[in-house]
Amino acid sequence: MIRAPLSKNRTFKVNLDSTKIQCLATANVEDESWLWHYRYGHLNFKSLNQLSSKKMVEGLPQIEVQAKICEGCMIGKQPRKAFTDSAPKRAKQVLDMVHSDVCGHLDTPSLGGNKYFLTFVDEFSRKIWVYLIKEKGEVFFVFEKFCASVER
């Protein structure tokens, strides 16, 4: 965690002495270019090299573009299969498919003391029902109440 005041140009100036920050210095890598790739959240080597050559980062050494591909970057960039295969594309009538979600724990409770809310969305009509609840344990009872209120 780093705490820094907001400066006049709406940026945060942080003074880091990397010798004091142990978590940035303990990575065991074969090349310093890889260490900086990890430190900058897997930023590509071309951009790291640009940061170094234009002296945009103090203390950043000259970064060499690597021929080896980062395994973490490859996994993160793989396309994922869509979830639509298991469900129909569109509902044919009201209440054919209803999506639900529980949201919370909210830091600031509502005036009634609720810290969670439960939503139901009808896919056909896009009607949304929102229920405020105090605890997650109330979800099933609210679901029963919802089903009873929308019975055909």
Protein backbone atom coordinates (compact mmCIF):
# COMPACT_ATOMS: atom_id res chain seq x y z
CA MET A 1 0.00 0.00 0.00
CA ILE A 2 1.25 3.45 -0.90
CA ARG A 3 -0.24 6.70 0.31
CA ALA A 4 0.44 9.82 -1.73
CA PRO A 5 -1.25 13.24 -1.88
CA LEU A 6 -2.95 14.43 -5.06
CA SER A 7 -0.79 17.11 -6.69
CA LYS A 8 -1.99 20.23 -8.54
CA ASN A 9 -1.94 18.53 -11.96
CA ARG A 10 -4.15 15.69 -10.62
CA THR A 11 -1.36 13.10 -10.42
CA PHE A 12 0.16 11.21 -7.51
CA LYS A 13 3.88 11.66 -6.96
CA VAL A 14 5.42 8.68 -5.19
CA ASN A 15 9.03 8.44 -4.04
CA LEU A 16 10.08 4.79 -3.95
CA ASP A 17 13.43 3.50 -2.84
CA SER A 18 13.35 -0.01 -4.33
CA THR A 19 16.01 -1.24 -1.90
CA LYS A 20 13.53 -0.74 0.95
CA ILE A 21 10.62 -2.42 -0.83
CA GLN A 22 11.28 -6.13 -0.40
CA CYS A 23 8.39 -7.41 -2.52
CA LEU A 24 9.80 -5.70 -5.65
CA ALA A 25 13.30 -7.06 -5.10
CA THR A 26 12.66 -10.73 -4.27
CA ALA A 27 11.62 -12.07 -7.69
CA ASN A 28 14.05 -14.69 -8.95
CA VAL A 29 14.36 -14.16 -12.71
CA GLU A 30 17.10 -14.88 -15.22
CA ASP A 31 17.13 -11.43 -16.83
CA GLU A 32 16.47 -7.96 -15.43
CA SER A 33 14.22 -7.19 -18.42
CA TRP A 34 11.85 -9.92 -17.23
CA LEU A 35 11.87 -8.50 -13.71
CA TRP A 36 10.71 -5.12 -15.02
CA HIS A 37 8.12 -6.84 -17.22
CA TYR A 38 6.64 -8.42 -14.06
CA ARG A 39 6.95 -5.24 -11.99
CA TYR A 40 4.98 -3.26 -14.56
CA GLY A 41 2.13 -5.78 -14.61
CA HIS A 42 3.30 -7.63 -17.76
CA LEU A 43 3.77 -4.48 -19.85
CA ASN A 44 5.15 -5.36 -23.30
CA PHE A 45 8.91 -5.06 -23.82
CA LYS A 46 8.62 -2.44 -26.56
CA SER A 47 6.80 -0.08 -24.18
CA LEU A 48 9.27 -0.85 -21.38
CA ASN A 49 12.13 -0.02 -23.76
CA GLN A 50 10.40 3.27 -24.63
CA LEU A 51 10.05 4.15 -20.94
CA SER A 52 13.77 3.52 -20.52
CA SER A 53 15.04 5.24 -23.67
CA LYS A 54 12.97 8.42 -23.13
CA LYS A 55 14.03 8.49 -19.45
CA MET A 56 10.41 8.50 -18.33
CA VAL A 57 11.24 6.31 -15.32
CA GLU A 58 14.19 7.11 -13.10
CA GLY A 59 16.40 4.06 -12.45
CA LEU A 60 14.90 1.89 -15.19
CA PRO A 61 17.75 0.14 -17.05
CA GLN A 62 17.88 -0.35 -20.82
CA ILE A 63 15.32 -3.07 -21.59
CA GLU A 64 16.01 -5.66 -24.25
CA VAL A 65 13.09 -6.97 -26.30
CA GLN A 66 12.81 -10.68 -25.49
CA ALA A 67 12.32 -13.45 -28.04
CA LYS A 68 10.75 -15.73 -25.44
CA ILE A 69 7.01 -15.24 -24.86
CA CYS A 70 5.67 -14.72 -21.34
CA GLU A 71 3.44 -17.64 -20.37
CA GLY A 72 1.22 -15.44 -18.16
CA CYS A 73 0.66 -12.98 -21.01
CA MET A 74 -0.24 -15.81 -23.41
CA ILE A 75 -2.81 -17.29 -21.02
CA GLY A 76 -4.30 -13.86 -20.33
CA LYS A 77 -4.74 -13.07 -24.04
CA GLN A 78 -6.35 -16.35 -25.07
CA PRO A 79 -9.94 -15.89 -26.23
CA ARG A 80 -12.55 -17.48 -24.03
CA LYS A 81 -15.51 -19.47 -25.22
CA ALA A 82 -18.85 -17.70 -24.89
CA PHE A 83 -21.33 -18.92 -22.26
CA THR A 84 -24.29 -18.77 -24.66
CA ASP A 85 -23.96 -22.44 -25.74
CA SER A 86 -25.74 -23.72 -22.62
CA ALA A 87 -28.69 -21.31 -22.69
CA PRO A 88 -31.15 -20.37 -25.43
CA LYS A 89 -30.24 -17.27 -27.41
CA ARG A 90 -33.41 -15.40 -26.48
CA ALA A 91 -36.47 -16.14 -24.39
CA LYS A 92 -39.66 -16.65 -26.41
CA GLN A 93 -42.00 -15.22 -23.77
CA VAL A 94 -42.04 -13.43 -20.42
CA LEU A 95 -40.35 -15.39 -17.60
CA ASP A 96 -38.89 -18.06 -19.90
CA MET A 97 -35.49 -17.14 -18.55
CA VAL A 98 -34.75 -15.02 -15.49
CA HIS A 99 -31.22 -14.01 -14.52
CA SER A 100 -30.38 -13.34 -10.88
CA ASP A 101 -27.50 -11.85 -8.93
CA VAL A 102 -26.71 -11.11 -5.28
CA CYS A 103 -24.66 -7.96 -4.73
CA GLY A 104 -22.95 -6.89 -1.54
CA HIS A 105 -21.63 -6.67 1.18
CA LEU A 106 -22.08 -2.89 0.98
CA ASP A 107 -19.94 -0.86 3.38
CA THR A 108 -22.71 1.65 4.04
CA PRO A 109 -26.06 0.04 4.87
CA SER A 110 -29.32 1.50 3.56
CA LEU A 111 -31.66 3.43 5.87
CA GLY A 112 -33.37 0.13 6.65
CA GLY A 113 -30.05 -1.55 7.55
CA ASN A 114 -29.75 -3.59 4.34
CA LYS A 115 -26.23 -4.48 3.20
CA TYR A 116 -27.07 -6.65 0.16
CA PHE A 117 -29.44 -6.53 -2.77
CA LEU A 118 -30.81 -9.27 -4.99
CA THR A 119 -31.80 -8.67 -8.61
CA PHE A 120 -33.97 -10.65 -11.01
CA VAL A 121 -33.95 -9.73 -14.72
CA ASP A 122 -36.48 -11.18 -17.16
CA GLU A 123 -34.62 -11.83 -20.41
CA PHE A 124 -37.68 -11.35 -22.65
CA SER A 125 -39.15 -8.14 -21.22
CA ARG A 126 -35.94 -6.86 -19.54
CA LYS A 127 -38.04 -6.09 -16.46
CA ILE A 128 -35.89 -5.84 -13.33
CA TRP A 129 -36.88 -6.66 -9.76
CA VAL A 130 -34.59 -5.47 -6.94
CA TYR A 131 -34.92 -6.72 -3.36
CA LEU A 132 -32.94 -5.24 -0.48
CA ILE A 133 -31.79 -7.79 2.11
CA LYS A 134 -29.88 -7.58 5.38
CA GLU A 135 -28.01 -10.92 5.10
CA LYS A 136 -27.15 -13.36 2.31
CA GLY A 137 -29.10 -16.04 4.14
CA GLU A 138 -32.33 -14.29 3.11
CA VAL A 139 -31.77 -15.00 -0.61
CA PHE A 140 -33.78 -18.24 -0.74
CA PHE A 141 -36.77 -16.69 1.07
CA VAL A 142 -36.73 -13.72 -1.30
CA PHE A 143 -36.51 -16.14 -4.25
CA GLU A 144 -39.61 -17.96 -2.98
CA LYS A 145 -41.38 -14.61 -2.58
CA PHE A 146 -40.36 -13.62 -6.12
CA CYS A 147 -41.63 -16.91 -7.59
CA ALA A 148 -44.96 -16.57 -5.78
CA SER A 149 -45.42 -13.00 -7.02
CA VAL A 150 -44.77 -13.82 -10.69
CA GLU A 151 -46.62 -17.17 -10.95
CA ARG A 152 -48.43 -17.47 -14.25
